[in-house]
Protein backbone atom coordinates (compact mmCIF):
# COMPACT_ATOMS: atom_id res chain seq x y z
CA MET A 1 4.73 -6.63 5.22
CA LYS A 2 6.63 -9.01 7.54
CA THR A 3 9.75 -8.52 5.45
CA ILE A 4 9.69 -4.77 5.95
CA THR A 5 9.13 -5.16 9.69
CA THR A 6 11.99 -7.65 9.89
CA MET A 7 14.24 -5.37 7.86
CA ARG A 8 13.45 -2.41 10.11
CA ALA A 9 14.08 -4.45 13.25
CA ALA A 10 17.41 -5.73 11.89
CA GLY A 11 18.37 -2.19 10.90
CA ALA A 12 17.54 -0.91 14.37
CA VAL A 13 19.69 -3.64 15.94
CA LEU A 14 22.60 -2.80 13.66
CA VAL A 15 22.30 0.92 14.35
CA MET A 16 22.17 0.24 18.10
CA ALA A 17 25.27 -1.94 17.84
CA ALA A 18 27.06 0.79 15.91
CA LEU A 19 26.05 3.43 18.45
CA LEU A 20 27.11 1.31 21.41
CA GLY A 21 30.41 0.59 19.72
CA GLY A 22 30.90 4.31 19.26
CA CYS A 23 30.51 5.07 22.98
CA GLN A 24 34.08 4.09 23.76
CA LYS A 25 36.99 6.50 23.81
CA LYS A 26 38.46 6.96 20.36
CA ASP A 27 42.17 6.38 19.99
CA ASP A 28 44.23 7.69 17.16
CA GLY A 29 44.89 4.12 16.07
CA VAL A 30 48.56 4.17 17.08
CA GLY A 31 49.44 0.99 18.87
CA ALA A 32 46.08 -0.59 18.09
CA GLY A 33 46.25 -4.34 18.06
CA PRO A 34 44.74 -6.63 15.45
CA ALA A 35 41.62 -7.29 17.56
CA GLU A 36 40.96 -3.57 18.04
CA THR A 37 41.48 -2.92 14.32
CA ALA A 38 39.13 -5.76 13.46
CA GLY A 39 36.59 -4.39 15.94
CA ARG A 40 36.70 -0.98 14.30
CA LYS A 41 36.21 -2.53 10.88
CA ILE A 42 33.24 -4.51 12.20
CA ASP A 43 31.78 -1.31 13.68
CA GLN A 44 32.16 0.49 10.36
CA ALA A 45 30.67 -2.43 8.43
CA SER A 46 27.69 -2.69 10.78
CA GLU A 47 27.09 1.06 10.52
CA ARG A 48 27.15 0.88 6.71
CA ALA A 49 24.87 -2.16 6.78
CA GLY A 50 22.45 -0.32 9.06
CA GLN A 51 22.38 2.68 6.74
CA GLU A 52 21.84 0.48 3.70
CA LEU A 53 19.09 -1.43 5.48
CA ASN A 54 17.36 1.82 6.42
CA GLN A 55 17.59 3.02 2.84
CA ALA A 56 16.18 -0.28 1.53
CA SER A 57 13.38 -0.04 4.08
CA ARG A 58 12.50 3.50 2.97
CA GLN A 59 12.51 2.44 -0.69
CA ALA A 60 10.27 -0.55 0.03
CA SER A 61 7.90 1.69 1.99
CA GLU A 62 7.73 4.18 -0.90
CA GLN A 63 7.06 1.37 -3.38
CA MET A 64 4.28 -0.01 -1.21
CA SER A 65 2.73 3.45 -0.89
CA GLU A 66 2.83 3.87 -4.66
CA ALA A 67 1.26 0.43 -5.19
CA ALA A 68 -1.49 1.21 -2.66
CA LYS A 69 -2.20 4.52 -4.39
CA ASP A 70 -2.39 2.78 -7.79
CA THR A 71 -4.72 0.11 -6.41
CA SER A 72 -6.93 2.76 -4.83
CA GLN A 73 -7.24 4.60 -8.14
CA LYS A 74 -8.15 1.37 -9.96
CA LEU A 75 -10.80 0.56 -7.36
CA ASP A 76 -12.26 4.05 -7.68
CA ARG A 77 -12.50 3.66 -11.46
CA ALA A 78 -14.10 0.23 -11.12
CA ALA A 79 -16.62 1.56 -8.60
CA GLY A 80 -17.48 4.43 -10.95
CA GLU A 81 -18.01 2.07 -13.87
CA ALA A 82 -20.17 -0.25 -11.76
CA SER A 83 -22.25 2.71 -10.63
CA GLN A 84 -22.82 3.81 -14.23
CA LYS A 85 -23.90 0.32 -15.27
CA PHE A 86 -26.23 0.06 -12.29
CA ASN A 87 -27.80 3.40 -13.21
CA GLN A 88 -28.26 2.25 -16.82
CA ALA A 89 -29.89 -0.98 -15.68
CA THR A 90 -32.20 0.94 -13.34
CA GLU A 91 -33.24 3.30 -16.14
CA THR A 92 -33.91 0.39 -18.51
CA ALA A 93 -36.00 -1.41 -15.88
CA GLY A 94 -37.91 1.82 -15.19
CA ARG A 95 -38.74 2.28 -18.89
CA LYS A 96 -39.94 -1.31 -19.20
CA LEU A 97 -42.07 -0.92 -16.09
CA GLU A 98 -43.60 2.25 -17.52
CA GLN A 99 -44.36 0.44 -20.79
CA ALA A 100 -46.01 -2.41 -18.88
CA GLY A 101 -48.08 0.10 -16.90
CA GLU A 102 -49.18 1.85 -20.08
CA LYS A 103 -50.23 -1.48 -21.62
CA MET A 104 -52.21 -2.32 -18.50
CA GLN A 105 -53.99 1.04 -18.63
CA GLN A 106 -54.69 0.58 -22.34
CA LYS A 107 -56.16 -2.89 -21.76
CA ALA A 108 -58.26 -1.56 -18.87
CA ALA A 109 -59.55 1.26 -21.07
CA GLU A 110 -60.38 -1.24 -23.85
CA ARG A 111 -62.33 -3.40 -21.37
CA GLU A 112 -64.24 -0.38 -20.09
CA ALA A 113 -65.10 0.65 -23.64
CA ALA A 114 -66.27 -2.89 -24.48
CA LYS A 115 -68.77 -2.92 -21.59
């Protein structure tokens, strides 16, 4: 999660740098010195890097959403299975309790008949 946040922050910085670099008057490139040419290349590279970083961030976000969805589905299935097993255990305990109650009534009836 920190990686995505860091990637987004770095992308935002690069995009801001590219936008600020683009605020200056554009020349046709005639008579541009080596420093100005290098500056333009740096601007272009930072803009490309910002776009690539944004794309990587979107892809990572999509992958995390897909993983969360998959985990949620697995948890739902596990909860359903646990619920079924709990219901089965409850039914089994109920039957055994009924059997014990019937035996108690039978013994009580036998004692009453023996009196």
